[in-house]
């Protein structure tokens, strides 16, 4: 299972009832720092929750490239009248737990 949230990051300003400005680290300087309340989650302190953010190359148009690194598993899912090939891919710059 991939982590759904990163952080914690400090809220530095409440812009309105549903928008908050966060104090993001330098690695995330290309990410817009205002988030909707639905994208935020209250953080309960737990030392096991520490997630190290990795360096991601972001272009000027705020896009980064995901490249498949390795195929970990293949199988065929059988439906009533057709077969669907499934492939589990390990992406570059990701851990095996984050394979999709």
PDB file of N, CA and C in Angstrom:
ATOM      1  N   UNK A   1       0.842  -1.184   0.000  1.00  0.00           N
ATOM      2  CA  UNK A   1       0.000   0.000   0.000  1.00  0.00           C
ATOM      3  C   UNK A   1       0.881   1.239   0.000  1.00  0.00           C
ATOM      4  N   UNK A   2       0.582   2.145  -0.869  1.00  0.00           N
ATOM      5  CA  UNK A   2       1.330   3.388  -0.962  1.00  0.00           C
ATOM      6  C   UNK A   2       0.810   4.385   0.058  1.00  0.00           C
ATOM      7  N   UNK A   3       1.687   5.236   0.586  1.00  0.00           N
ATOM      8  CA  UNK A   3       1.189   6.267   1.496  1.00  0.00           C
ATOM      9  C   UNK A   3       0.310   7.259   0.751  1.00  0.00           C
ATOM     10  N   UNK A   4      -0.776   7.642   1.359  1.00  0.00           N
ATOM     11  CA  UNK A   4      -1.692   8.592   0.729  1.00  0.00           C
ATOM     12  C   UNK A   4      -1.375  10.032   1.119  1.00  0.00           C
ATOM     13  N   UNK A   5      -0.649  10.187   2.204  1.00  0.00           N
ATOM     14  CA  UNK A   5      -0.335  11.519   2.699  1.00  0.00           C
ATOM     15  C   UNK A   5       1.161  11.629   2.956  1.00  0.00           C
ATOM     16  N   UNK A   6       1.691  12.827   2.804  1.00  0.00           N
ATOM     17  CA  UNK A   6       3.073  13.094   3.189  1.00  0.00           C
ATOM     18  C   UNK A   6       3.044  14.215   4.208  1.00  0.00           C
ATOM     19  N   UNK A   7       4.106  14.323   4.958  1.00  0.00           N
ATOM     20  CA  UNK A   7       4.140  15.396   5.933  1.00  0.00           C
ATOM     21  C   UNK A   7       4.527  14.865   7.285  1.00  0.00           C
ATOM     22  N   UNK A   8       4.238  15.510   8.332  1.00  0.00           N
ATOM     23  CA  UNK A   8       3.306  16.626   8.502  1.00  0.00           C
ATOM     24  C   UNK A   8       3.938  17.961   8.122  1.00  0.00           C
ATOM     25  N   UNK A   9       3.099  18.881   7.705  1.00  0.00           N
ATOM     26  CA  UNK A   9       3.519  20.240   7.393  1.00  0.00           C
ATOM     27  C   UNK A   9       2.662  21.210   8.196  1.00  0.00           C
ATOM     28  N   UNK A  10       3.260  22.301   8.586  1.00  0.00           N
ATOM     29  CA  UNK A  10       2.583  23.274   9.433  1.00  0.00           C
ATOM     30  C   UNK A  10       1.645  24.148   8.605  1.00  0.00           C
ATOM     31  N   UNK A  11       0.460  24.403   9.151  1.00  0.00           N
ATOM     32  CA  UNK A  11      -0.479  25.340   8.529  1.00  0.00           C
ATOM     33  C   UNK A  11      -0.037  26.737   8.936  1.00  0.00           C
ATOM     34  N   UNK A  12       0.262  27.581   7.954  1.00  0.00           N
ATOM     35  CA  UNK A  12       0.724  28.927   8.280  1.00  0.00           C
ATOM     36  C   UNK A  12      -0.363  29.981   8.111  1.00  0.00           C
ATOM     37  N   UNK A  13      -1.433  29.631   7.367  1.00  0.00           N
ATOM     38  CA  UNK A  13      -2.486  30.622   7.176  1.00  0.00           C
ATOM     39  C   UNK A  13      -3.784  29.934   6.771  1.00  0.00           C
ATOM     40  N   UNK A  14      -4.885  30.393   7.365  1.00  0.00           N
ATOM     41  CA  UNK A  14      -6.205  29.941   6.945  1.00  0.00           C
ATOM     42  C   UNK A  14      -6.751  31.024   6.023  1.00  0.00           C
ATOM     43  N   UNK A  15      -6.876  30.710   4.736  1.00  0.00           N
ATOM     44  CA  UNK A  15      -7.302  31.710   3.759  1.00  0.00           C
ATOM     45  C   UNK A  15      -8.810  31.924   3.784  1.00  0.00           C
ATOM     46  N   UNK A  16      -9.545  30.844   3.918  1.00  0.00           N
ATOM     47  CA  UNK A  16     -11.003  30.892   4.084  1.00  0.00           C
ATOM     48  C   UNK A  16     -11.416  29.582   4.733  1.00  0.00           C
ATOM     49  N   UNK A  17     -12.681  29.322   4.967  1.00  0.00           N
ATOM     50  CA  UNK A  17     -13.066  28.106   5.689  1.00  0.00           C
ATOM     51  C   UNK A  17     -12.634  26.792   5.042  1.00  0.00           C
ATOM     52  N   UNK A  18     -12.300  26.801   3.744  1.00  0.00           N
ATOM     53  CA  UNK A  18     -11.935  25.553   3.079  1.00  0.00           C
ATOM     54  C   UNK A  18     -10.547  25.569   2.443  1.00  0.00           C
ATOM     55  N   UNK A  19      -9.759  26.636   2.603  1.00  0.00           N
ATOM     56  CA  UNK A  19      -8.433  26.722   1.987  1.00  0.00           C
ATOM     57  C   UNK A  19      -7.378  27.089   3.022  1.00  0.00           C
ATOM     58  N   UNK A  20      -6.270  26.322   3.008  1.00  0.00           N
ATOM     59  CA  UNK A  20      -5.192  26.539   3.961  1.00  0.00           C
ATOM     60  C   UNK A  20      -3.859  26.624   3.232  1.00  0.00           C
ATOM     61  N   UNK A  21      -2.973  27.511   3.699  1.00  0.00           N
ATOM     62  CA  UNK A  21      -1.621  27.633   3.166  1.00  0.00           C
ATOM     63  C   UNK A  21      -0.692  26.864   4.100  1.00  0.00           C
ATOM     64  N   UNK A  22       0.148  25.983   3.515  1.00  0.00           N
ATOM     65  CA  UNK A  22       1.056  25.154   4.301  1.00  0.00           C
ATOM     66  C   UNK A  22       2.496  25.616   4.128  1.00  0.00           C
ATOM     67  N   UNK A  23       3.298  25.350   5.148  1.00  0.00           N
ATOM     68  CA  UNK A  23       4.726  25.630   5.105  1.00  0.00           C
ATOM     69  C   UNK A  23       5.423  24.386   4.557  1.00  0.00           C
ATOM     70  N   UNK A  24       5.661  24.369   3.232  1.00  0.00           N
ATOM     71  CA  UNK A  24       6.259  23.212   2.575  1.00  0.00           C
ATOM     72  C   UNK A  24       7.776  23.329   2.572  1.00  0.00           C
ATOM     73  N   UNK A  25       8.496  22.187   2.575  1.00  0.00           N
ATOM     74  CA  UNK A  25       9.958  22.233   2.540  1.00  0.00           C
ATOM     75  C   UNK A  25      10.470  22.680   1.166  1.00  0.00           C
ATOM     76  N   UNK A  26      11.758  22.953   1.091  1.00  0.00           N
ATOM     77  CA  UNK A  26      12.381  23.451  -0.132  1.00  0.00           C
ATOM     78  C   UNK A  26      12.228  22.452  -1.280  1.00  0.00           C
ATOM     79  N   UNK A  27      12.255  21.128  -0.991  1.00  0.00           N
ATOM     80  CA  UNK A  27      12.108  20.125  -2.045  1.00  0.00           C
ATOM     81  C   UNK A  27      10.776  20.255  -2.781  1.00  0.00           C
ATOM     82  N   UNK A  28       9.774  20.812  -2.116  1.00  0.00           N
ATOM     83  CA  UNK A  28       8.444  20.941  -2.712  1.00  0.00           C
ATOM     84  C   UNK A  28       8.142  22.383  -3.116  1.00  0.00           C
ATOM     85  N   UNK A  29       9.164  23.161  -3.410  1.00  0.00           N
ATOM     86  CA  UNK A  29       8.949  24.573  -3.735  1.00  0.00           C
ATOM     87  C   UNK A  29       8.166  24.769  -5.029  1.00  0.00           C
ATOM     88  N   UNK A  30       8.145  23.768  -5.918  1.00  0.00           N
ATOM     89  CA  UNK A  30       7.406  23.888  -7.173  1.00  0.00           C
ATOM     90  C   UNK A  30       5.933  23.504  -7.022  1.00  0.00           C
ATOM     91  N   UNK A  31       5.546  23.033  -5.852  1.00  0.00           N
ATOM     92  CA  UNK A  31       4.157  22.649  -5.589  1.00  0.00           C
ATOM     93  C   UNK A  31       3.429  23.843  -4.995  1.00  0.00           C
ATOM     94  N   UNK A  32       2.214  24.088  -5.483  1.00  0.00           N
ATOM     95  CA  UNK A  32       1.409  25.186  -4.947  1.00  0.00           C
ATOM     96  C   UNK A  32       1.124  24.904  -3.473  1.00  0.00           C
ATOM     97  N   UNK A  33       1.287  25.878  -2.604  1.00  0.00           N
ATOM     98  CA  UNK A  33       1.206  25.631  -1.167  1.00  0.00           C
ATOM     99  C   UNK A  33      -0.161  25.907  -0.549  1.00  0.00           C
ATOM    100  N   UNK A  34      -1.208  26.067  -1.355  1.00  0.00           N
ATOM    101  CA  UNK A  34      -2.562  26.251  -0.842  1.00  0.00           C
ATOM    102  C   UNK A  34      -3.361  24.981  -1.160  1.00  0.00           C
ATOM    103  N   UNK A  35      -4.006  24.421  -0.110  1.00  0.00           N
ATOM    104  CA  UNK A  35      -4.718  23.158  -0.261  1.00  0.00           C
ATOM    105  C   UNK A  35      -6.144  23.281   0.242  1.00  0.00           C
ATOM    106  N   UNK A  36      -7.040  22.542  -0.410  1.00  0.00           N
ATOM    107  CA  UNK A  36      -8.429  22.456   0.032  1.00  0.00           C
ATOM    108  C   UNK A  36      -8.478  21.571   1.276  1.00  0.00           C
ATOM    109  N   UNK A  37      -9.396  21.849   2.159  1.00  0.00           N
ATOM    110  CA  UNK A  37      -9.514  21.127   3.422  1.00  0.00           C
ATOM    111  C   UNK A  37      -9.714  19.622   3.198  1.00  0.00           C
ATOM    112  N   UNK A  38     -10.307  19.222   2.077  1.00  0.00           N
ATOM    113  CA  UNK A  38     -10.520  17.794   1.797  1.00  0.00           C
ATOM    114  C   UNK A  38      -9.212  17.068   1.507  1.00  0.00           C
ATOM    115  N   UNK A  39      -8.138  17.796   1.181  1.00  0.00           N
ATOM    116  CA  UNK A  39      -6.847  17.177   0.905  1.00  0.00           C
ATOM    117  C   UNK A  39      -5.973  17.073   2.164  1.00  0.00           C
ATOM    118  N   UNK A  40      -6.441  17.627   3.264  1.00  0.00           N
ATOM    119  CA  UNK A  40      -5.664  17.640   4.498  1.00  0.00           C
ATOM    120  C   UNK A  40      -6.215  16.610   5.474  1.00  0.00           C
ATOM    121  N   UNK A  41      -5.334  16.122   6.334  1.00  0.00           N
ATOM    122  CA  UNK A  41      -5.728  15.159   7.350  1.00  0.00           C
ATOM    123  C   UNK A  41      -5.051  15.550   8.652  1.00  0.00           C
ATOM    124  N   UNK A  42      -5.786  15.503   9.754  1.00  0.00           N
ATOM    125  CA  UNK A  42      -5.205  15.815  11.051  1.00  0.00           C
ATOM    126  C   UNK A  42      -4.127  14.792  11.369  1.00  0.00           C
ATOM    127  N   UNK A  43      -2.999  15.281  11.838  1.00  0.00           N
ATOM    128  CA  UNK A  43      -1.868  14.396  12.115  1.00  0.00           C
ATOM    129  C   UNK A  43      -1.815  14.057  13.595  1.00  0.00           C
ATOM    130  N   UNK A  44      -1.754  12.765  13.888  1.00  0.00           N
ATOM    131  CA  UNK A  44      -1.570  12.265  15.248  1.00  0.00           C
ATOM    132  C   UNK A  44      -0.132  11.774  15.325  1.00  0.00           C
ATOM    133  N   UNK A  45       0.638  12.301  16.262  1.00  0.00           N
ATOM    134  CA  UNK A  45       2.071  12.030  16.338  1.00  0.00           C
ATOM    135  C   UNK A  45       2.345  10.543  16.539  1.00  0.00           C
ATOM    136  N   UNK A  46       3.187   9.989  15.653  1.00  0.00           N
ATOM    137  CA  UNK A  46       3.626   8.604  15.736  1.00  0.00           C
ATOM    138  C   UNK A  46       4.978   8.515  15.031  1.00  0.00           C
ATOM    139  N   UNK A  47       6.054   8.101  15.731  1.00  0.00           N
ATOM    140  CA  UNK A  47       7.384   8.052  15.114  1.00  0.00           C
ATOM    141  C   UNK A  47       7.482   7.129  13.905  1.00  0.00           C
ATOM    142  N   UNK A  48       6.600   6.142  13.792  1.00  0.00           N
ATOM    143  CA  UNK A  48       6.626   5.224  12.656  1.00  0.00           C
ATOM    144  C   UNK A  48       6.069   5.855  11.384  1.00  0.00           C
ATOM    145  N   UNK A  49       5.454   7.019  11.490  1.00  0.00           N
ATOM    146  CA  UNK A  49       4.841   7.672  10.334  1.00  0.00           C
ATOM    147  C   UNK A  49       5.820   8.497   9.510  1.00  0.00           C
ATOM    148  N   UNK A  50       7.073   8.548   9.891  1.00  0.00           N
ATOM    149  CA  UNK A  50       8.031   9.381   9.187  1.00  0.00           C
ATOM    150  C   UNK A  50       8.235   8.868   7.766  1.00  0.00           C
ATOM    151  N   UNK A  51       7.982   9.728   6.799  1.00  0.00           N
ATOM    152  CA  UNK A  51       8.151   9.402   5.386  1.00  0.00           C
ATOM    153  C   UNK A  51       9.164  10.375   4.812  1.00  0.00           C
ATOM    154  N   UNK A  52      10.189   9.832   4.183  1.00  0.00           N
ATOM    155  CA  UNK A  52      11.204  10.679   3.581  1.00  0.00           C
ATOM    156  C   UNK A  52      10.748  11.024   2.174  1.00  0.00           C
ATOM    157  N   UNK A  53      10.644  12.314   1.885  1.00  0.00           N
ATOM    158  CA  UNK A  53      10.256  12.718   0.532  1.00  0.00           C
ATOM    159  C   UNK A  53      11.467  12.632  -0.378  1.00  0.00           C
ATOM    160  N   UNK A  54      11.268  12.073  -1.557  1.00  0.00           N
ATOM    161  CA  UNK A  54      12.348  11.875  -2.505  1.00  0.00           C
ATOM    162  C   UNK A  54      12.435  13.074  -3.448  1.00  0.00           C
ATOM    163  N   UNK A  55      13.624  13.267  -4.001  1.00  0.00           N
ATOM    164  CA  UNK A  55      13.821  14.356  -4.944  1.00  0.00           C
ATOM    165  C   UNK A  55      13.150  13.995  -6.268  1.00  0.00           C
ATOM    166  N   UNK A  56      12.292  14.863  -6.751  1.00  0.00           N
ATOM    167  CA  UNK A  56      11.583  14.649  -8.008  1.00  0.00           C
ATOM    168  C   UNK A  56      11.935  15.792  -8.945  1.00  0.00           C
ATOM    169  N   UNK A  57      12.372  15.450 -10.161  1.00  0.00           N
ATOM    170  CA  UNK A  57      12.683  16.459 -11.164  1.00  0.00           C
ATOM    171  C   UNK A  57      11.374  16.959 -11.769  1.00  0.00           C
ATOM    172  N   UNK A  58      11.074  18.240 -11.563  1.00  0.00           N
ATOM    173  CA  UNK A  58       9.859  18.840 -12.089  1.00  0.00           C
ATOM    174  C   UNK A  58      10.254  19.859 -13.144  1.00  0.00           C
ATOM    175  N   UNK A  59       9.619  19.776 -14.309  1.00  0.00           N
ATOM    176  CA  UNK A  59       9.920  20.714 -15.385  1.00  0.00           C
ATOM    177  C   UNK A  59       9.234  22.053 -15.112  1.00  0.00           C
ATOM    178  N   UNK A  60       9.499  23.028 -15.962  1.00  0.00           N
ATOM    179  CA  UNK A  60       8.920  24.368 -15.768  1.00  0.00           C
ATOM    180  C   UNK A  60       7.404  24.365 -15.865  1.00  0.00           C
ATOM    181  N   UNK A  61       6.841  23.434 -16.621  1.00  0.00           N
ATOM    182  CA  UNK A  61       5.379  23.356 -16.719  1.00  0.00           C
ATOM    183  C   UNK A  61       4.778  22.445 -15.647  1.00  0.00           C
ATOM    184  N   UNK A  62       5.566  22.202 -14.568  1.00  0.00           N
ATOM    185  CA  UNK A  62       5.130  21.442 -13.382  1.00  0.00           C
ATOM    186  C   UNK A  62       4.727  20.007 -13.707  1.00  0.00           C
ATOM    187  N   UNK A  63       5.523  19.335 -14.551  1.00  0.00           N
ATOM    188  CA  UNK A  63       5.275  17.957 -14.925  1.00  0.00           C
ATOM    189  C   UNK A  63       6.523  17.144 -14.599  1.00  0.00           C
ATOM    190  N   UNK A  64       6.336  15.926 -14.150  1.00  0.00           N
ATOM    191  CA  UNK A  64       7.467  15.025 -13.979  1.00  0.00           C
ATOM    192  C   UNK A  64       7.134  13.710 -14.665  1.00  0.00           C
ATOM    193  N   UNK A  65       8.174  12.991 -15.050  1.00  0.00           N
ATOM    194  CA  UNK A  65       7.993  11.781 -15.835  1.00  0.00           C
ATOM    195  C   UNK A  65       8.138  10.539 -14.965  1.00  0.00           C
ATOM    196  N   UNK A  66       7.149   9.663 -15.027  1.00  0.00           N
ATOM    197  CA  UNK A  66       7.201   8.364 -14.367  1.00  0.00           C
ATOM    198  C   UNK A  66       7.584   7.341 -15.422  1.00  0.00           C
ATOM    199  N   UNK A  67       8.604   6.550 -15.142  1.00  0.00           N
ATOM    200  CA  UNK A  67       9.060   5.533 -16.089  1.00  0.00           C
ATOM    201  C   UNK A  67       8.967   4.162 -15.441  1.00  0.00           C
ATOM    202  N   UNK A  68       8.443   3.166 -16.169  1.00  0.00           N
ATOM    203  CA  UNK A  68       8.430   1.815 -15.618  1.00  0.00           C
ATOM    204  C   UNK A  68       9.850   1.282 -15.505  1.00  0.00           C
ATOM    205  N   UNK A  69      10.175   0.688 -14.374  1.00  0.00           N
ATOM    206  CA  UNK A  69      11.518   0.187 -14.156  1.00  0.00           C
ATOM    207  C   UNK A  69      11.630  -1.316 -14.360  1.00  0.00           C
ATOM    208  N   UNK A  70      10.645  -2.069 -13.849  1.00  0.00           N
ATOM    209  CA  UNK A  70      10.745  -3.526 -13.883  1.00  0.00           C
ATOM    210  C   UNK A  70       9.348  -4.115 -13.756  1.00  0.00           C
ATOM    211  N   UNK A  71       9.110  -5.220 -14.429  1.00  0.00           N
ATOM    212  CA  UNK A  71       7.846  -5.945 -14.292  1.00  0.00           C
ATOM    213  C   UNK A  71       8.030  -6.977 -13.180  1.00  0.00           C
ATOM    214  N   UNK A  72       7.195  -6.879 -12.149  1.00  0.00           N
ATOM    215  CA  UNK A  72       7.322  -7.771 -11.000  1.00  0.00           C
ATOM    216  C   UNK A  72       6.463  -9.021 -11.106  1.00  0.00           C
ATOM    217  N   UNK A  73       5.297  -8.916 -11.753  1.00  0.00           N
ATOM    218  CA  UNK A  73       4.376 -10.049 -11.789  1.00  0.00           C
ATOM    219  C   UNK A  73       3.457  -9.909 -12.993  1.00  0.00           C
ATOM    220  N   UNK A  74       3.038 -11.051 -13.538  1.00  0.00           N
ATOM    221  CA  UNK A  74       2.058 -11.089 -14.630  1.00  0.00           C
ATOM    222  C   UNK A  74       1.022 -12.156 -14.303  1.00  0.00           C
ATOM    223  N   UNK A  75      -0.208 -11.891 -14.707  1.00  0.00           N
ATOM    224  CA  UNK A  75      -1.245 -12.912 -14.606  1.00  0.00           C
ATOM    225  C   UNK A  75      -2.401 -12.543 -15.533  1.00  0.00           C
ATOM    226  N   UNK A  76      -3.261 -13.502 -15.765  1.00  0.00           N
ATOM    227  CA  UNK A  76      -4.427 -13.323 -16.635  1.00  0.00           C
ATOM    228  C   UNK A  76      -5.672 -13.418 -15.774  1.00  0.00           C
ATOM    229  N   UNK A  77      -6.517 -12.379 -15.846  1.00  0.00           N
ATOM    230  CA  UNK A  77      -7.796 -12.402 -15.122  1.00  0.00           C
ATOM    231  C   UNK A  77      -8.861 -12.885 -16.104  1.00  0.00           C
ATOM    232  N   UNK A  78      -9.543 -13.930 -15.728  1.00  0.00           N
ATOM    233  CA  UNK A  78     -10.538 -14.537 -16.594  1.00  0.00           C
ATOM    234  C   UNK A  78     -11.914 -13.987 -16.254  1.00  0.00           C
ATOM    235  N   UNK A  79     -12.555 -13.362 -17.221  1.00  0.00           N
ATOM    236  CA  UNK A  79     -13.950 -12.950 -17.083  1.00  0.00           C
ATOM    237  C   UNK A  79     -14.802 -13.989 -17.807  1.00  0.00           C
ATOM    238  N   UNK A  80     -16.076 -13.742 -17.932  1.00  0.00           N
ATOM    239  CA  UNK A  80     -16.947 -14.741 -18.554  1.00  0.00           C
ATOM    240  C   UNK A  80     -16.514 -15.090 -19.978  1.00  0.00           C
ATOM    241  N   UNK A  81     -16.306 -14.057 -20.793  1.00  0.00           N
ATOM    242  CA  UNK A  81     -16.000 -14.350 -22.185  1.00  0.00           C
ATOM    243  C   UNK A  81     -14.717 -13.685 -22.691  1.00  0.00           C
ATOM    244  N   UNK A  82     -13.886 -13.201 -21.795  1.00  0.00           N
ATOM    245  CA  UNK A  82     -12.613 -12.640 -22.240  1.00  0.00           C
ATOM    246  C   UNK A  82     -11.566 -12.726 -21.139  1.00  0.00           C
ATOM    247  N   UNK A  83     -10.320 -12.578 -21.556  1.00  0.00           N
ATOM    248  CA  UNK A  83      -9.202 -12.615 -20.627  1.00  0.00           C
ATOM    249  C   UNK A  83      -8.541 -11.250 -20.600  1.00  0.00           C
ATOM    250  N   UNK A  84      -8.180 -10.793 -19.387  1.00  0.00           N
ATOM    251  CA  UNK A  84      -7.534  -9.494 -19.225  1.00  0.00           C
ATOM    252  C   UNK A  84      -6.141  -9.726 -18.654  1.00  0.00           C
ATOM    253  N   UNK A  85      -5.084  -9.344 -19.405  1.00  0.00           N
ATOM    254  CA  UNK A  85      -3.734  -9.489 -18.858  1.00  0.00           C
ATOM    255  C   UNK A  85      -3.453  -8.402 -17.819  1.00  0.00           C
ATOM    256  N   UNK A  86      -2.929  -8.770 -16.649  1.00  0.00           N
ATOM    257  CA  UNK A  86      -2.567  -7.838 -15.590  1.00  0.00           C
ATOM    258  C   UNK A  86      -1.059  -7.879 -15.391  1.00  0.00           C
ATOM    259  N   UNK A  87      -0.456  -6.717 -15.213  1.00  0.00           N
ATOM    260  CA  UNK A  87       0.987  -6.610 -15.043  1.00  0.00           C
ATOM    261  C   UNK A  87       1.260  -5.730 -13.830  1.00  0.00           C
ATOM    262  N   UNK A  88       2.102  -6.194 -12.903  1.00  0.00           N
ATOM    263  CA  UNK A  88       2.509  -5.395 -11.746  1.00  0.00           C
ATOM    264  C   UNK A  88       3.862  -4.773 -12.065  1.00  0.00           C
ATOM    265  N   UNK A  89       3.920  -3.428 -12.047  1.00  0.00           N
ATOM    266  CA  UNK A  89       5.099  -2.691 -12.487  1.00  0.00           C
ATOM    267  C   UNK A  89       5.747  -1.970 -11.312  1.00  0.00           C
ATOM    268  N   UNK A  90       7.070  -2.083 -11.215  1.00  0.00           N
ATOM    269  CA  UNK A  90       7.850  -1.301 -10.268  1.00  0.00           C
ATOM    270  C   UNK A  90       8.354  -0.075 -11.015  1.00  0.00           C
ATOM    271  N   UNK A  91       7.935   1.107 -10.594  1.00  0.00           N
ATOM    272  CA  UNK A  91       8.293   2.354 -11.264  1.00  0.00           C
ATOM    273  C   UNK A  91       9.637   2.857 -10.755  1.00  0.00           C
ATOM    274  N   UNK A  92      10.347   3.609 -11.600  1.00  0.00           N
ATOM    275  CA  UNK A  92      11.628   4.167 -11.184  1.00  0.00           C
ATOM    276  C   UNK A  92      11.392   5.136 -10.028  1.00  0.00           C
ATOM    277  N   UNK A  93      12.345   5.225  -9.133  1.00  0.00           N
ATOM    278  CA  UNK A  93      12.300   6.090  -7.950  1.00  0.00           C
ATOM    279  C   UNK A  93      11.189   5.717  -6.975  1.00  0.00           C
ATOM    280  N   UNK A  94      10.746   4.443  -6.980  1.00  0.00           N
ATOM    281  CA  UNK A  94       9.740   3.979  -6.040  1.00  0.00           C
ATOM    282  C   UNK A  94      10.211   2.676  -5.396  1.00  0.00           C
ATOM    283  N   UNK A  95       9.646   2.372  -4.252  1.00  0.00           N
ATOM    284  CA  UNK A  95       9.976   1.136  -3.547  1.00  0.00           C
ATOM    285  C   UNK A  95       9.066   0.012  -4.047  1.00  0.00           C
ATOM    286  N   UNK A  96       9.426  -1.254  -3.824  1.00  0.00           N
ATOM    287  CA  UNK A  96       8.571  -2.360  -4.247  1.00  0.00           C
ATOM    288  C   UNK A  96       7.171  -2.329  -3.618  1.00  0.00           C
ATOM    289  N   UNK A  97       7.041  -1.725  -2.449  1.00  0.00           N
ATOM    290  CA  UNK A  97       5.729  -1.621  -1.821  1.00  0.00           C
ATOM    291  C   UNK A  97       4.808  -0.677  -2.590  1.00  0.00           C
ATOM    292  N   UNK A  98       5.388   0.203  -3.420  1.00  0.00           N
ATOM    293  CA  UNK A  98       4.602   1.171  -4.180  1.00  0.00           C
ATOM    294  C   UNK A  98       4.316   0.714  -5.611  1.00  0.00           C
ATOM    295  N   UNK A  99       4.636  -0.540  -5.933  1.00  0.00           N
ATOM    296  CA  UNK A  99       4.397  -1.056  -7.279  1.00  0.00           C
ATOM    297  C   UNK A  99       2.901  -1.116  -7.561  1.00  0.00           C
ATOM    298  N   UNK A 100       2.544  -0.864  -8.817  1.00  0.00           N
ATOM    299  CA  UNK A 100       1.123  -0.887  -9.217  1.00  0.00           C
ATOM    300  C   UNK A 100       0.939  -1.803 -10.402  1.00  0.00           C
TER     301      UNK A 100
END
